[in-house]
Amino acid sequence: MRATARRVRRWIALTALAALLVHAPSASANIVADSGLRPNPDGFSFESYGFGYADLNAAQMQRIYGRRVCMSGKGEKCVLRPVMRFLVMASNLALGGGHCYGIAILSEAIYQRHLLPPGLHLAHPARRARP
């Protein structure tokens, strides 16, 4: 099982790396669009986190999908079904580089005023005063 999991992780990592290399713009690429959003001052005050943080575990999978994800046990003693173990492994591997995409999209949505949570006080309201 461990050899299979290693092969799956290696395949996922290589596929992700290949996708990044194929779609990576050159350093001399021209900027063709600019929304005006800047990480400072428009972004969040915290950094996205990367490897070393466990994003999902058995207890969290139970909260999301219910007790049926466990072959036995519950809570921290849950023994996940094989497909759920794979989902945890794949999700944690995919999220291991951080949550950059989600944070970037949320920042842009707030910046463009598509999403303005109640009680949110904008640090730079003058920058948001656009027609």
Protein backbone atom coordinates (compact mmCIF):
# COMPACT_ATOMS: atom_id res chain seq x y z
CA MET A 1 0.00 0.00 0.00
CA ARG A 2 2.80 2.42 0.85
CA ALA A 3 4.48 1.87 -2.51
CA THR A 4 1.18 2.55 -4.27
CA ALA A 5 0.60 5.71 -2.24
CA ARG A 6 4.12 6.89 -3.06
CA ARG A 7 3.55 6.27 -6.76
CA VAL A 8 0.25 8.18 -6.62
CA ARG A 9 1.88 11.11 -4.78
CA ARG A 10 4.78 11.13 -7.24
CA TRP A 11 2.35 11.06 -10.20
CA ILE A 12 0.28 13.93 -8.75
CA ALA A 13 3.40 15.99 -8.02
CA LEU A 14 4.86 15.41 -11.49
CA THR A 15 1.56 16.21 -13.17
CA ALA A 16 1.26 19.46 -11.19
CA LEU A 17 4.86 20.39 -12.00
CA ALA A 18 4.33 19.69 -15.70
CA ALA A 19 1.19 21.84 -15.71
CA LEU A 20 3.07 24.69 -14.07
CA LEU A 21 5.94 24.47 -16.53
CA VAL A 22 3.66 24.36 -19.55
CA HIS A 23 1.53 27.30 -18.43
CA ALA A 24 4.22 29.43 -16.79
CA PRO A 25 4.60 32.81 -18.54
CA SER A 26 8.04 33.93 -19.53
CA ALA A 27 9.79 36.56 -17.45
CA SER A 28 9.48 39.04 -20.30
CA ALA A 29 5.72 38.64 -20.75
CA ASN A 30 3.71 41.82 -21.26
CA ILE A 31 0.95 42.69 -18.81
CA VAL A 32 -2.33 42.68 -20.73
CA ALA A 33 -4.75 43.21 -17.83
CA ASP A 34 -4.51 44.87 -14.43
CA SER A 35 -7.39 45.12 -11.98
CA GLY A 36 -5.46 47.47 -9.71
CA LEU A 37 -5.42 45.00 -6.81
CA ARG A 38 -2.11 44.97 -4.96
CA PRO A 39 -1.19 42.50 -2.19
CA ASN A 40 -0.22 45.43 -0.01
CA PRO A 41 -2.50 47.24 0.86
CA ASP A 42 -5.41 45.32 -0.73
CA GLY A 43 -4.65 41.77 0.37
CA PHE A 44 -5.01 39.96 3.65
CA SER A 45 -2.69 40.72 6.56
CA PHE A 46 -1.60 37.06 6.83
CA GLU A 47 0.39 34.80 4.53
CA SER A 48 -0.92 31.72 2.83
CA TYR A 49 0.49 28.64 4.48
CA GLY A 50 2.25 25.74 2.84
CA PHE A 51 3.73 22.34 3.61
CA GLY A 52 3.82 21.31 7.24
CA TYR A 53 0.18 22.06 7.99
CA ALA A 54 -2.26 19.17 7.97
CA ASP A 55 -5.30 20.48 6.16
CA LEU A 56 -7.54 17.46 6.49
CA ASN A 57 -7.61 14.56 8.92
CA ALA A 58 -10.05 11.81 9.86
CA ALA A 59 -12.01 13.96 12.31
CA GLN A 60 -12.44 16.74 9.75
CA MET A 61 -13.53 14.24 7.08
CA GLN A 62 -16.23 13.02 9.48
CA ARG A 63 -17.46 16.59 10.00
CA ILE A 64 -17.66 17.08 6.23
CA TYR A 65 -19.04 13.71 5.07
CA GLY A 66 -20.41 12.05 8.22
CA ARG A 67 -19.52 8.86 10.08
CA ARG A 68 -19.79 6.70 6.96
CA VAL A 69 -16.20 7.71 6.06
CA CYS A 70 -14.90 5.54 8.93
CA MET A 71 -14.43 1.80 8.66
CA SER A 72 -14.23 1.76 12.46
CA GLY A 73 -13.88 4.16 15.37
CA LYS A 74 -14.91 7.79 15.49
CA GLY A 75 -13.33 11.18 16.09
CA GLU A 76 -9.54 10.96 16.30
CA LYS A 77 -9.82 7.15 16.43
CA CYS A 78 -11.58 6.95 13.07
CA VAL A 79 -10.01 4.54 10.61
CA LEU A 80 -10.86 6.03 7.23
CA ARG A 81 -12.07 3.95 4.33
CA PRO A 82 -9.39 3.58 1.61
CA VAL A 83 -11.06 6.02 -0.79
CA MET A 84 -11.27 8.61 1.99
CA ARG A 85 -7.60 8.08 2.92
CA PHE A 86 -6.75 8.73 -0.73
CA LEU A 87 -8.93 11.86 -0.77
CA VAL A 88 -7.21 13.18 2.39
CA MET A 89 -3.77 12.45 0.92
CA ALA A 90 -4.58 14.01 -2.47
CA SER A 91 -6.24 17.07 -0.90
CA ASN A 92 -3.39 17.69 1.52
CA LEU A 93 -0.88 17.28 -1.30
CA ALA A 94 -2.80 19.71 -3.51
CA LEU A 95 -3.22 22.22 -0.69
CA GLY A 96 0.36 21.77 0.52
CA GLY A 97 1.59 24.72 -1.49
CA GLY A 98 -0.84 27.00 0.28
CA HIS A 99 -4.28 28.32 -0.41
CA CYS A 100 -3.04 31.02 -2.73
CA TYR A 101 -5.73 30.68 -5.37
CA GLY A 102 -8.63 30.89 -2.92
CA ILE A 103 -7.08 33.78 -1.03
CA ALA A 104 -6.36 35.63 -4.28
CA ILE A 105 -9.92 35.15 -5.56
CA LEU A 106 -11.42 36.26 -2.24
CA SER A 107 -9.14 39.32 -2.14
CA GLU A 108 -10.19 40.27 -5.68
CA ALA A 109 -13.90 39.75 -4.89
CA ILE A 110 -13.64 42.07 -1.88
CA TYR A 111 -11.54 44.57 -3.84
CA GLN A 112 -14.08 44.68 -6.68
CA ARG A 113 -16.90 44.93 -4.13
CA HIS A 114 -18.53 41.73 -5.35
CA LEU A 115 -18.29 40.48 -1.80
CA LEU A 116 -18.23 42.74 1.20
CA PRO A 117 -18.81 40.78 4.42
CA PRO A 118 -20.85 42.58 7.11
CA GLY A 119 -18.62 44.43 9.54
CA LEU A 120 -15.64 44.44 7.19
CA HIS A 121 -13.80 47.71 7.46
CA LEU A 122 -11.64 48.47 4.45
CA ALA A 123 -8.17 49.66 5.40
CA HIS A 124 -7.87 51.90 2.34
CA PRO A 125 -11.39 53.04 1.39
CA ALA A 126 -10.03 55.75 -0.91
CA ARG A 127 -8.49 53.07 -3.14
CA ARG A 128 -11.96 51.50 -3.40
CA ALA A 129 -13.64 54.75 -4.44
CA ARG A 130 -13.87 53.84 -8.10
CA PRO A 131 -16.73 54.66 -10.46
